[in-house]
Amino acid sequence: MDDESVISQWLISNARRDGRATEAKQIIFTAACRCGERSDCAEQLAAVRKICVTVGQRIEAWFGRRTAENGPFILAGVEVPDCPNIGVVAHSDGDVIFHSVTDAILGSIGLRDIGQYYPDTDPEWKGQSSDKFLHDTLKRASDMGFRVVSVDVTLVLERPKVGKIMPAVVQGLRQAIGDHRVTQASVNVKARTSEKLNAAGEGKSVEAHAVVLLYKDK
């Protein structure tokens, strides 16, 4: 395994454990300082300087009755089965996984939030499949010299149960990223409840929290 991969895995594991962007930045700073004290790790220090991590981007979508306006419940392009009466209130298709990852990538490369680029006041995005937002943002990142190394998404919802479709959801996210270097092990989606707390815990909404790690190739 090369230096980039080792450092990337270490950073993302710490970011996942802590869940706060400030701590992730401190991890990177500490790693850089330690490398700077040694004469034999110039390559590792250079790799650390090229890593960008965004932690804890939260996107929430509200549930409503399935109507012509409220489309089906979709996660990473996969329609959630067995919930014919649940629709997502959204301007686009309301895919919270694609939205949260898109927003996290925008933050990692120093751009503004998802609403600035794909506003819900623009008819162009009405009913749009959210993978378009992700693809467009990935191109922005690529044009700036960045590529995705790792993605971790946590869903928070009380209903419906989504455990059975998680393999398809992970695959949907990986395919949307579209980089053969992003392995199955580098893309993770998991789900939990919020123990009846807040709107998600009451079954009124779904939240997605994304952690992304990018590497600057050039």
C-alpha atoms as a PDB file:
ATOM      1  CA  MET A   1       0.000   0.000   0.000  1.00  0.00           C
ATOM      2  CA  ASP A   2       1.406   3.436  -0.922  1.00  0.00           C
ATOM      3  CA  ASP A   3       1.856   6.386   1.438  1.00  0.00           C
ATOM      4  CA  GLU A   4      -1.231   8.156   0.126  1.00  0.00           C
ATOM      5  CA  SER A   5      -3.427   5.161   0.882  1.00  0.00           C
ATOM      6  CA  VAL A   6      -1.999   4.660   4.377  1.00  0.00           C
ATOM      7  CA  ILE A   7      -2.439   8.295   5.357  1.00  0.00           C
ATOM      8  CA  SER A   8      -5.877   8.503   3.768  1.00  0.00           C
ATOM      9  CA  GLN A   9      -7.151   5.450   5.631  1.00  0.00           C
ATOM     10  CA  TRP A  10      -5.747   6.745   8.903  1.00  0.00           C
ATOM     11  CA  LEU A  11      -7.356  10.160   8.491  1.00  0.00           C
ATOM     12  CA  ILE A  12     -10.771   8.883   7.500  1.00  0.00           C
ATOM     13  CA  SER A  13     -10.858   6.341  10.340  1.00  0.00           C
ATOM     14  CA  ASN A  14     -10.155   9.110  12.849  1.00  0.00           C
ATOM     15  CA  ALA A  15     -12.675  11.413  11.207  1.00  0.00           C
ATOM     16  CA  ARG A  16     -15.361   8.713  11.333  1.00  0.00           C
ATOM     17  CA  ARG A  17     -14.621   8.006  14.975  1.00  0.00           C
ATOM     18  CA  ASP A  18     -14.787  11.616  16.092  1.00  0.00           C
ATOM     19  CA  GLY A  19     -17.316  13.029  13.638  1.00  0.00           C
ATOM     20  CA  ARG A  20     -16.216  16.652  13.868  1.00  0.00           C
ATOM     21  CA  ALA A  21     -14.528  18.709  11.172  1.00  0.00           C
ATOM     22  CA  THR A  22     -12.415  20.656  13.666  1.00  0.00           C
ATOM     23  CA  GLU A  23     -10.927  17.443  15.017  1.00  0.00           C
ATOM     24  CA  ALA A  24     -10.245  16.133  11.518  1.00  0.00           C
ATOM     25  CA  LYS A  25      -8.344  19.317  10.691  1.00  0.00           C
ATOM     26  CA  GLN A  26      -6.339  18.893  13.898  1.00  0.00           C
ATOM     27  CA  ILE A  27      -5.486  15.327  12.891  1.00  0.00           C
ATOM     28  CA  ILE A  28      -4.084  16.561   9.584  1.00  0.00           C
ATOM     29  CA  PHE A  29      -2.152  19.362  11.306  1.00  0.00           C
ATOM     30  CA  THR A  30      -0.675  16.970  13.867  1.00  0.00           C
ATOM     31  CA  ALA A  31       0.339  14.479  11.183  1.00  0.00           C
ATOM     32  CA  ALA A  32       2.045  17.227   9.209  1.00  0.00           C
ATOM     33  CA  CYS A  33       3.924  18.484  12.275  1.00  0.00           C
ATOM     34  CA  ARG A  34       5.152  15.011  13.166  1.00  0.00           C
ATOM     35  CA  CYS A  35       6.308  14.381   9.630  1.00  0.00           C
ATOM     36  CA  GLY A  36       8.026  17.755   9.589  1.00  0.00           C
ATOM     37  CA  GLU A  37      10.156  16.720  12.553  1.00  0.00           C
ATOM     38  CA  ARG A  38      11.587  13.793  10.615  1.00  0.00           C
ATOM     39  CA  SER A  39      13.939  13.824   7.681  1.00  0.00           C
ATOM     40  CA  ASP A  40      12.689  10.602   6.120  1.00  0.00           C
ATOM     41  CA  CYS A  41       9.054  11.377   5.420  1.00  0.00           C
ATOM     42  CA  ALA A  42       8.977  14.218   2.926  1.00  0.00           C
ATOM     43  CA  GLU A  43       6.687  12.187   0.684  1.00  0.00           C
ATOM     44  CA  GLN A  44       4.244  11.540   3.532  1.00  0.00           C
ATOM     45  CA  LEU A  45       4.205  15.232   4.421  1.00  0.00           C
ATOM     46  CA  ALA A  46       3.512  16.131   0.794  1.00  0.00           C
ATOM     47  CA  ALA A  47       0.678  13.590   0.739  1.00  0.00           C
ATOM     48  CA  VAL A  48      -0.873  15.016   3.911  1.00  0.00           C
ATOM     49  CA  ARG A  49      -0.819  18.499   2.413  1.00  0.00           C
ATOM     50  CA  LYS A  50      -2.810  17.217  -0.568  1.00  0.00           C
ATOM     51  CA  ILE A  51      -5.616  15.695   1.500  1.00  0.00           C
ATOM     52  CA  CYS A  52      -8.911  17.525   2.027  1.00  0.00           C
ATOM     53  CA  VAL A  53     -11.550  16.138   4.371  1.00  0.00           C
ATOM     54  CA  THR A  54     -15.057  17.379   5.098  1.00  0.00           C
ATOM     55  CA  VAL A  55     -16.856  15.871   8.063  1.00  0.00           C
ATOM     56  CA  GLY A  56     -20.477  15.897   9.092  1.00  0.00           C
ATOM     57  CA  GLN A  57     -22.332  17.494   6.194  1.00  0.00           C
ATOM     58  CA  ARG A  58     -26.007  17.059   7.100  1.00  0.00           C
ATOM     59  CA  ILE A  59     -28.889  17.018   4.650  1.00  0.00           C
ATOM     60  CA  GLU A  60     -32.501  16.437   5.714  1.00  0.00           C
ATOM     61  CA  ALA A  61     -35.579  15.670   3.629  1.00  0.00           C
ATOM     62  CA  TRP A  62     -39.134  15.632   4.890  1.00  0.00           C
ATOM     63  CA  PHE A  63     -41.544  12.816   4.221  1.00  0.00           C
ATOM     64  CA  GLY A  64     -45.014  13.418   2.827  1.00  0.00           C
ATOM     65  CA  ARG A  65     -47.712  11.390   1.181  1.00  0.00           C
ATOM     66  CA  ARG A  66     -46.811  10.015  -2.237  1.00  0.00           C
ATOM     67  CA  THR A  67     -48.294  12.407  -4.771  1.00  0.00           C
ATOM     68  CA  ALA A  68     -47.426  13.765  -8.189  1.00  0.00           C
ATOM     69  CA  GLU A  69     -45.386  16.454  -6.396  1.00  0.00           C
ATOM     70  CA  ASN A  70     -43.795  14.182  -3.789  1.00  0.00           C
ATOM     71  CA  GLY A  71     -41.798  11.533  -5.595  1.00  0.00           C
ATOM     72  CA  PRO A  72     -40.692   8.121  -4.311  1.00  0.00           C
ATOM     73  CA  PHE A  73     -38.140   7.670  -1.540  1.00  0.00           C
ATOM     74  CA  ILE A  74     -34.765   7.225  -3.264  1.00  0.00           C
ATOM     75  CA  LEU A  75     -31.341   6.507  -1.753  1.00  0.00           C
ATOM     76  CA  ALA A  76     -28.265   6.665  -4.012  1.00  0.00           C
ATOM     77  CA  GLY A  77     -30.508   6.122  -7.014  1.00  0.00           C
ATOM     78  CA  VAL A  78     -32.256   3.103  -5.471  1.00  0.00           C
ATOM     79  CA  GLU A  79     -35.999   3.363  -4.869  1.00  0.00           C
ATOM     80  CA  VAL A  80     -36.824   2.138  -1.371  1.00  0.00           C
ATOM     81  CA  PRO A  81     -39.376  -0.701  -1.664  1.00  0.00           C
ATOM     82  CA  ASP A  82     -42.430  -1.457   0.442  1.00  0.00           C
ATOM     83  CA  CYS A  83     -43.315   2.150   1.264  1.00  0.00           C
ATOM     84  CA  PRO A  84     -45.949   3.094  -1.337  1.00  0.00           C
ATOM     85  CA  ASN A  85     -47.397   5.878   0.804  1.00  0.00           C
ATOM     86  CA  ILE A  86     -44.118   7.634   1.603  1.00  0.00           C
ATOM     87  CA  GLY A  87     -42.961  10.411  -0.663  1.00  0.00           C
ATOM     88  CA  VAL A  88     -40.120  12.897  -0.249  1.00  0.00           C
ATOM     89  CA  VAL A  89     -40.875  16.610  -0.244  1.00  0.00           C
ATOM     90  CA  ALA A  90     -38.184  18.029  -2.520  1.00  0.00           C
ATOM     91  CA  HIS A  91     -37.597  20.193  -5.572  1.00  0.00           C
ATOM     92  CA  SER A  92     -35.405  17.514  -7.173  1.00  0.00           C
ATOM     93  CA  ASP A  93     -35.842  13.795  -6.505  1.00  0.00           C
ATOM     94  CA  GLY A  94     -34.755  14.393  -2.882  1.00  0.00           C
ATOM     95  CA  ASP A  95     -31.972  11.791  -2.780  1.00  0.00           C
ATOM     96  CA  VAL A  96     -30.368  12.736   0.549  1.00  0.00           C
ATOM     97  CA  ILE A  97     -27.300  10.543   0.006  1.00  0.00           C
ATOM     98  CA  PHE A  98     -26.333  12.210  -3.253  1.00  0.00           C
ATOM     99  CA  HIS A  99     -27.180  15.624  -1.779  1.00  0.00           C
ATOM    100  CA  SER A 100     -25.045  15.178   1.339  1.00  0.00           C
ATOM    101  CA  VAL A 101     -22.046  13.808  -0.573  1.00  0.00           C
ATOM    102  CA  THR A 102     -22.347  16.613  -3.125  1.00  0.00           C
ATOM    103  CA  ASP A 103     -22.425  19.218  -0.363  1.00  0.00           C
ATOM    104  CA  ALA A 104     -19.444  17.643   1.397  1.00  0.00           C
ATOM    105  CA  ILE A 105     -17.358  17.609  -1.788  1.00  0.00           C
ATOM    106  CA  LEU A 106     -18.201  21.251  -2.461  1.00  0.00           C
ATOM    107  CA  GLY A 107     -16.997  22.108   1.028  1.00  0.00           C
ATOM    108  CA  SER A 108     -13.804  20.096   0.630  1.00  0.00           C
ATOM    109  CA  ILE A 109     -12.769  21.998  -2.484  1.00  0.00           C
ATOM    110  CA  GLY A 110     -13.584  25.376  -0.984  1.00  0.00           C
ATOM    111  CA  LEU A 111     -16.849  26.107  -2.774  1.00  0.00           C
ATOM    112  CA  ARG A 112     -20.227  27.170  -1.419  1.00  0.00           C
ATOM    113  CA  ASP A 113     -23.103  24.913  -0.397  1.00  0.00           C
ATOM    114  CA  ILE A 114     -25.282  22.835  -2.693  1.00  0.00           C
ATOM    115  CA  GLY A 115     -28.125  25.348  -2.627  1.00  0.00           C
ATOM    116  CA  GLN A 116     -25.942  27.981  -4.269  1.00  0.00           C
ATOM    117  CA  TYR A 117     -25.311  25.830  -7.339  1.00  0.00           C
ATOM    118  CA  TYR A 118     -28.573  23.887  -7.583  1.00  0.00           C
ATOM    119  CA  PRO A 119     -31.219  26.142  -5.977  1.00  0.00           C
ATOM    120  CA  ASP A 120     -34.742  24.913  -5.397  1.00  0.00           C
ATOM    121  CA  THR A 121     -35.987  28.096  -7.059  1.00  0.00           C
ATOM    122  CA  ASP A 122     -34.559  27.084 -10.437  1.00  0.00           C
ATOM    123  CA  PRO A 123     -37.036  25.179 -12.640  1.00  0.00           C
ATOM    124  CA  GLU A 124     -34.102  23.430 -14.332  1.00  0.00           C
ATOM    125  CA  TRP A 125     -33.709  21.241 -11.242  1.00  0.00           C
ATOM    126  CA  LYS A 126     -37.400  20.449 -10.783  1.00  0.00           C
ATOM    127  CA  GLY A 127     -37.707  16.667 -10.455  1.00  0.00           C
ATOM    128  CA  GLN A 128     -34.065  16.266 -11.441  1.00  0.00           C
ATOM    129  CA  SER A 129     -32.229  13.063 -10.558  1.00  0.00           C
ATOM    130  CA  SER A 130     -29.749  14.040  -7.853  1.00  0.00           C
ATOM    131  CA  ASP A 131     -26.895  12.091  -9.414  1.00  0.00           C
ATOM    132  CA  LYS A 132     -26.655  15.026 -11.843  1.00  0.00           C
ATOM    133  CA  PHE A 133     -25.644  17.283  -8.937  1.00  0.00           C
ATOM    134  CA  LEU A 134     -23.016  14.780  -7.833  1.00  0.00           C
ATOM    135  CA  HIS A 135     -21.624  14.281 -11.346  1.00  0.00           C
ATOM    136  CA  ASP A 136     -21.429  18.027 -11.920  1.00  0.00           C
ATOM    137  CA  THR A 137     -19.688  18.562  -8.582  1.00  0.00           C
ATOM    138  CA  LEU A 138     -17.236  15.727  -9.219  1.00  0.00           C
ATOM    139  CA  LYS A 139     -16.313  17.435 -12.484  1.00  0.00           C
ATOM    140  CA  ARG A 140     -15.728  20.696 -10.619  1.00  0.00           C
ATOM    141  CA  ALA A 141     -13.462  18.828  -8.211  1.00  0.00           C
ATOM    142  CA  SER A 142     -11.622  17.040 -11.021  1.00  0.00           C
ATOM    143  CA  ASP A 143     -11.065  20.311 -12.870  1.00  0.00           C
ATOM    144  CA  MET A 144      -9.431  21.648  -9.699  1.00  0.00           C
ATOM    145  CA  GLY A 145      -7.181  18.582  -9.462  1.00  0.00           C
ATOM    146  CA  PHE A 146      -9.095  16.639  -6.792  1.00  0.00           C
ATOM    147  CA  ARG A 147     -10.388  13.080  -6.756  1.00  0.00           C
ATOM    148  CA  VAL A 148     -12.454  11.153  -4.218  1.00  0.00           C
ATOM    149  CA  VAL A 149     -10.592   8.693  -1.997  1.00  0.00           C
ATOM    150  CA  SER A 150     -13.251   7.695   0.531  1.00  0.00           C
ATOM    151  CA  VAL A 151     -16.917   8.380   1.326  1.00  0.00           C
ATOM    152  CA  ASP A 152     -18.839   7.498   4.478  1.00  0.00           C
ATOM    153  CA  VAL A 153     -22.554   8.261   4.829  1.00  0.00           C
ATOM    154  CA  THR A 154     -24.772   7.768   7.866  1.00  0.00           C
ATOM    155  CA  LEU A 155     -28.537   7.759   7.392  1.00  0.00           C
ATOM    156  CA  VAL A 156     -30.768   8.647  10.325  1.00  0.00           C
ATOM    157  CA  LEU A 157     -34.371   7.511  10.020  1.00  0.00           C
ATOM    158  CA  GLU A 158     -37.028   5.673  11.951  1.00  0.00           C
ATOM    159  CA  ARG A 159     -38.911   4.335   8.954  1.00  0.00           C
ATOM    160  CA  PRO A 160     -38.939   2.621   6.553  1.00  0.00           C
ATOM    161  CA  LYS A 161     -36.341  -0.029   7.318  1.00  0.00           C
ATOM    162  CA  VAL A 162     -33.578   0.025   4.723  1.00  0.00           C
ATOM    163  CA  GLY A 163     -31.126  -2.648   5.878  1.00  0.00           C
ATOM    164  CA  LYS A 164     -31.994  -5.084   3.088  1.00  0.00           C
ATOM    165  CA  ILE A 165     -31.207  -2.619   0.310  1.00  0.00           C
ATOM    166  CA  MET A 166     -27.919  -1.313   1.740  1.00  0.00           C
ATOM    167  CA  PRO A 167     -25.690  -3.337  -0.639  1.00  0.00           C
ATOM    168  CA  ALA A 168     -27.551  -1.844  -3.613  1.00  0.00           C
ATOM    169  CA  VAL A 169     -27.351   1.639  -2.078  1.00  0.00           C
ATOM    170  CA  VAL A 170     -23.585   1.359  -1.568  1.00  0.00           C
ATOM    171  CA  GLN A 171     -23.186   0.142  -5.135  1.00  0.00           C
ATOM    172  CA  GLY A 172     -25.349   3.001  -6.396  1.00  0.00           C
ATOM    173  CA  LEU A 173     -23.137   5.547  -4.661  1.00  0.00           C
ATOM    174  CA  ARG A 174     -19.962   3.924  -5.894  1.00  0.00           C
ATOM    175  CA  GLN A 175     -21.233   3.843  -9.476  1.00  0.00           C
ATOM    176  CA  ALA A 176     -22.283   7.481  -9.253  1.00  0.00           C
ATOM    177  CA  ILE A 177     -18.765   8.458  -8.181  1.00  0.00           C
ATOM    178  CA  GLY A 178     -17.594   6.631 -11.285  1.00  0.00           C
ATOM    179  CA  ASP A 179     -13.897   6.240 -10.468  1.00  0.00           C
ATOM    180  CA  HIS A 180     -12.490   2.704 -10.645  1.00  0.00           C
ATOM    181  CA  ARG A 181      -9.904   3.673  -8.014  1.00  0.00           C
ATOM    182  CA  VAL A 182     -12.689   4.100  -5.442  1.00  0.00           C
ATOM    183  CA  THR A 183     -13.081   0.528  -4.237  1.00  0.00           C
ATOM    184  CA  GLN A 184     -16.106  -1.012  -2.584  1.00  0.00           C
ATOM    185  CA  ALA A 185     -14.262  -0.798   0.736  1.00  0.00           C
ATOM    186  CA  SER A 186     -13.829   2.962   0.266  1.00  0.00           C
ATOM    187  CA  VAL A 187     -17.576   3.650   0.047  1.00  0.00           C
ATOM    188  CA  ASN A 188     -19.744   3.083   3.090  1.00  0.00           C
ATOM    189  CA  VAL A 189     -23.411   3.746   3.851  1.00  0.00           C
ATOM    190  CA  LYS A 190     -25.009   2.789   7.142  1.00  0.00           C
ATOM    191  CA  ALA A 191     -28.306   3.568   8.844  1.00  0.00           C
ATOM    192  CA  ARG A 192     -29.432   4.148  12.396  1.00  0.00           C
ATOM    193  CA  THR A 193     -32.393   5.572  14.279  1.00  0.00           C
ATOM    194  CA  SER A 194     -32.349   8.601  16.555  1.00  0.00           C
ATOM    195  CA  GLU A 195     -34.212   6.862  19.372  1.00  0.00           C
ATOM    196  CA  LYS A 196     -37.477   8.717  18.746  1.00  0.00           C
ATOM    197  CA  LEU A 197     -35.768  12.116  19.012  1.00  0.00           C
ATOM    198  CA  ASN A 198     -36.352  14.991  16.558  1.00  0.00           C
ATOM    199  CA  ALA A 199     -38.212  14.806  13.252  1.00  0.00           C
ATOM    200  CA  ALA A 200     -36.245  11.803  11.991  1.00  0.00           C
ATOM    201  CA  GLY A 201     -36.955   9.922  15.206  1.00  0.00           C
ATOM    202  CA  GLU A 202     -40.646  10.664  14.834  1.00  0.00           C
ATOM    203  CA  GLY A 203     -40.619   9.201  11.320  1.00  0.00           C
ATOM    204  CA  LYS A 204     -41.232  12.579   9.678  1.00  0.00           C
ATOM    205  CA  SER A 205     -37.915  12.927   7.871  1.00  0.00           C
ATOM    206  CA  VAL A 206     -34.637  11.308   6.874  1.00  0.00           C
ATOM    207  CA  GLU A 207     -31.168  12.732   7.512  1.00  0.00           C
ATOM    208  CA  ALA A 208     -27.896  11.959   5.748  1.00  0.00           C
ATOM    209  CA  HIS A 209     -24.500  12.841   7.230  1.00  0.00           C
ATOM    210  CA  ALA A 210     -21.539  12.554   4.858  1.00  0.00           C
ATOM    211  CA  VAL A 211     -17.790  12.357   5.402  1.00  0.00           C
ATOM    212  CA  VAL A 212     -15.659  12.679   2.277  1.00  0.00           C
ATOM    213  CA  LEU A 213     -11.930  12.528   1.794  1.00  0.00           C
ATOM    214  CA  LEU A 214     -10.384  13.968  -1.361  1.00  0.00           C
ATOM    215  CA  TYR A 215      -6.823  13.886  -2.638  1.00  0.00           C
ATOM    216  CA  LYS A 216      -5.249  16.580  -4.786  1.00  0.00           C
ATOM    217  CA  ASP A 217      -3.487  14.909  -7.691  1.00  0.00           C
ATOM    218  CA  LYS A 218      -2.153  18.095  -9.215  1.00  0.00           C
END
